[in-house]
Amino acid sequence: MRLKALNLAGIRQIFQLGIVVVLFLAAVPLFSAGRADPLLSRADGLVKEKRYNEALRILTEFIREDDIRFDSAQYRIREILKKFDDYNHLVNELVNVIEQTPEDYETIVFLADKLRELDAPRDEETRLFVNHIQELARFTIN
C-alpha cells in the first residue's frame, strides 16, 4: 500500500513537472518574438522613409542569413511590392489621362499628388516628369 502511495506521488510530481516544462517551452517563443531582429527593424524604418529598394536589399540579406524565419521577411517584401504595383498603376493612370483627356487638369494634379504621397519618385527622370506635369496642370487651372 505504501509503495502504491509513493508511486502515485511520484507520478503526480512528474506530471506537475511536465506541465511546468510545457508552459515554459510555450512561453519562450512569445518572449523571443517580442524582440525584433535588427535587420527587420532597419527594413521597417526604411519602409517608413519610403526607401523601398534599400529595404528590399536588407530583407534579402535577412532571408540569406535566417531562412528559418523567411515568412517575417516575405510579408514585408509583399507589402513593398504592393506599393510598387500601386505606384505603377497610378503612373499608368496618369499617362492615360494625359493622352486621352489632357484638358482634365484637376485629375492630373490629383494623380500627381497621389504619386507623391505613395512614394517619392524613384529616379530623377520620373521626379522631373511628375513635377513638370503638376506645374503645367496647376498653371492651367489657375
Protein backbone atom coordinates (compact mmCIF):
# COMPACT_ATOMS: atom_id res chain seq x y z
CA MET A 1 0.00 0.00 0.00
CA ARG A 2 2.77 2.35 0.92
CA LEU A 3 4.56 1.55 -2.33
CA LYS A 4 1.42 2.39 -4.24
CA ALA A 5 1.15 5.78 -2.45
CA LEU A 6 4.79 6.60 -3.27
CA ASN A 7 4.26 5.60 -6.86
CA LEU A 8 1.23 7.86 -7.12
CA ALA A 9 3.10 10.77 -5.53
CA GLY A 10 5.99 10.27 -7.96
CA ILE A 11 3.65 10.21 -10.93
CA ARG A 12 1.94 13.35 -9.68
CA GLN A 13 5.31 15.14 -9.35
CA ILE A 14 6.38 14.05 -12.80
CA PHE A 15 3.06 15.22 -14.21
CA GLN A 16 3.39 18.61 -12.48
CA LEU A 17 6.96 18.97 -13.70
CA GLY A 18 5.79 18.12 -17.22
CA ILE A 19 3.16 20.85 -17.07
CA VAL A 20 5.75 23.40 -15.91
CA VAL A 21 8.12 22.40 -18.74
CA VAL A 22 5.36 22.62 -21.36
CA LEU A 23 4.29 26.06 -20.11
CA PHE A 24 7.90 27.25 -20.12
CA LEU A 25 8.52 25.99 -23.64
CA ALA A 26 5.31 27.60 -24.85
CA ALA A 27 6.32 30.95 -23.33
CA VAL A 28 9.83 31.09 -24.82
CA PRO A 29 8.69 31.88 -28.40
CA LEU A 30 6.38 34.58 -27.09
CA PHE A 31 9.20 36.38 -25.32
CA SER A 32 11.64 36.00 -28.21
CA ALA A 33 9.01 37.25 -30.67
CA GLY A 34 8.86 40.50 -28.76
CA ARG A 35 12.49 41.20 -29.56
CA ALA A 36 12.64 42.39 -33.13
CA ASP A 37 15.53 41.39 -35.30
CA PRO A 38 17.82 44.36 -36.03
CA LEU A 39 17.67 43.74 -39.79
CA LEU A 40 13.86 43.59 -39.79
CA SER A 41 13.66 46.73 -37.65
CA ARG A 42 16.02 48.52 -40.01
CA ALA A 43 13.97 47.43 -43.03
CA ASP A 44 10.78 48.66 -41.33
CA GLY A 45 12.43 52.04 -40.73
CA LEU A 46 13.46 52.29 -44.37
CA VAL A 47 9.91 51.50 -45.49
CA LYS A 48 8.59 54.32 -43.29
CA GLU A 49 11.11 56.60 -45.00
CA LYS A 50 9.88 55.28 -48.39
CA ARG A 51 13.34 53.91 -49.19
CA TYR A 52 11.92 50.69 -50.56
CA ASN A 53 14.86 49.49 -52.63
CA GLU A 54 17.18 49.66 -49.62
CA ALA A 55 14.59 47.84 -47.51
CA LEU A 56 14.38 45.08 -50.14
CA ARG A 57 18.17 44.65 -50.07
CA ILE A 58 18.11 44.28 -46.28
CA LEU A 59 15.21 41.82 -46.39
CA THR A 60 17.05 39.75 -48.99
CA GLU A 61 20.09 39.71 -46.71
CA PHE A 62 17.86 38.66 -43.79
CA ILE A 63 16.49 35.71 -45.79
CA ARG A 64 20.01 34.59 -46.67
CA GLU A 65 21.08 34.74 -43.03
CA ASP A 66 17.91 33.38 -41.38
CA ASP A 67 15.95 31.19 -43.76
CA ILE A 68 14.00 29.71 -40.85
CA ARG A 69 12.11 32.97 -40.28
CA PHE A 70 11.61 33.53 -44.01
CA ASP A 71 7.94 34.41 -43.54
CA SER A 72 8.79 37.52 -41.49
CA ALA A 73 10.73 38.96 -44.41
CA GLN A 74 8.37 37.62 -47.05
CA TYR A 75 5.43 39.52 -45.57
CA ARG A 76 7.41 42.77 -45.70
CA ILE A 77 8.56 42.10 -49.26
CA ARG A 78 4.95 41.56 -50.37
CA GLU A 79 3.95 44.88 -48.81
CA ILE A 80 6.75 46.70 -50.65
CA LEU A 81 5.88 45.03 -53.95
CA LYS A 82 2.25 46.06 -53.46
CA LYS A 83 3.40 49.66 -53.03
CA PHE A 84 5.40 49.36 -56.27
CA ASP A 85 2.35 47.93 -58.03
CA ASP A 86 0.11 50.74 -56.71
CA TYR A 87 2.66 53.33 -57.83
CA ASN A 88 2.92 51.81 -61.32
CA HIS A 89 -0.87 51.68 -61.59
CA LEU A 90 -1.07 55.40 -60.76
CA VAL A 91 1.64 56.25 -63.28
CA ASN A 92 -0.27 54.36 -65.98
CA GLU A 93 -3.48 56.10 -64.98
CA LEU A 94 -1.76 59.49 -65.14
CA VAL A 95 -0.32 58.77 -68.59
CA ASN A 96 -3.76 57.61 -69.82
CA VAL A 97 -5.42 60.81 -68.57
CA ILE A 98 -2.73 62.93 -70.22
CA GLU A 99 -3.13 61.05 -73.53
CA GLN A 100 -6.93 60.75 -73.57
CA THR A 101 -8.18 63.86 -71.76
CA PRO A 102 -5.29 66.31 -71.48
CA GLU A 103 -7.70 69.10 -70.53
CA ASP A 104 -8.65 67.30 -67.30
CA TYR A 105 -6.11 69.25 -65.24
CA GLU A 106 -7.73 68.60 -61.89
CA THR A 107 -7.42 64.83 -62.32
CA ILE A 108 -3.83 65.24 -63.49
CA VAL A 109 -2.95 67.26 -60.38
CA PHE A 110 -4.82 64.79 -58.17
CA LEU A 111 -2.96 61.78 -59.62
CA ALA A 112 0.41 63.54 -59.42
CA ASP A 113 -0.27 64.39 -55.77
CA LYS A 114 -1.21 60.74 -55.08
CA LEU A 115 2.06 59.63 -56.67
CA ARG A 116 3.99 61.89 -54.30
CA GLU A 117 2.04 60.57 -51.30
CA LEU A 118 2.57 56.96 -52.24
CA ASP A 119 6.27 57.22 -52.98
CA ALA A 120 8.85 59.79 -53.81
CA PRO A 121 9.72 59.17 -57.45
CA ARG A 122 12.48 56.57 -57.60
CA ASP A 123 14.61 58.24 -60.19
CA GLU A 124 15.40 61.77 -61.28
CA GLU A 125 13.67 61.46 -64.64
CA THR A 126 10.38 60.34 -63.08
CA ARG A 127 10.60 63.06 -60.44
CA LEU A 128 11.12 65.72 -63.13
CA PHE A 129 8.22 64.32 -65.17
CA VAL A 130 5.80 64.39 -62.23
CA ASN A 131 6.93 67.88 -61.21
CA HIS A 132 6.57 69.20 -64.77
CA ILE A 133 3.11 67.68 -65.25
CA GLN A 134 1.97 69.07 -61.90
CA GLU A 135 3.27 72.56 -62.65
CA LEU A 136 1.63 72.63 -66.08
CA ALA A 137 -1.71 71.40 -64.74
CA ARG A 138 -1.71 73.82 -61.78
CA PHE A 139 -0.76 76.72 -64.04
CA THR A 140 -3.61 75.90 -66.40
CA ILE A 141 -6.12 75.55 -63.57
CA ASN A 142 -5.22 78.94 -62.10
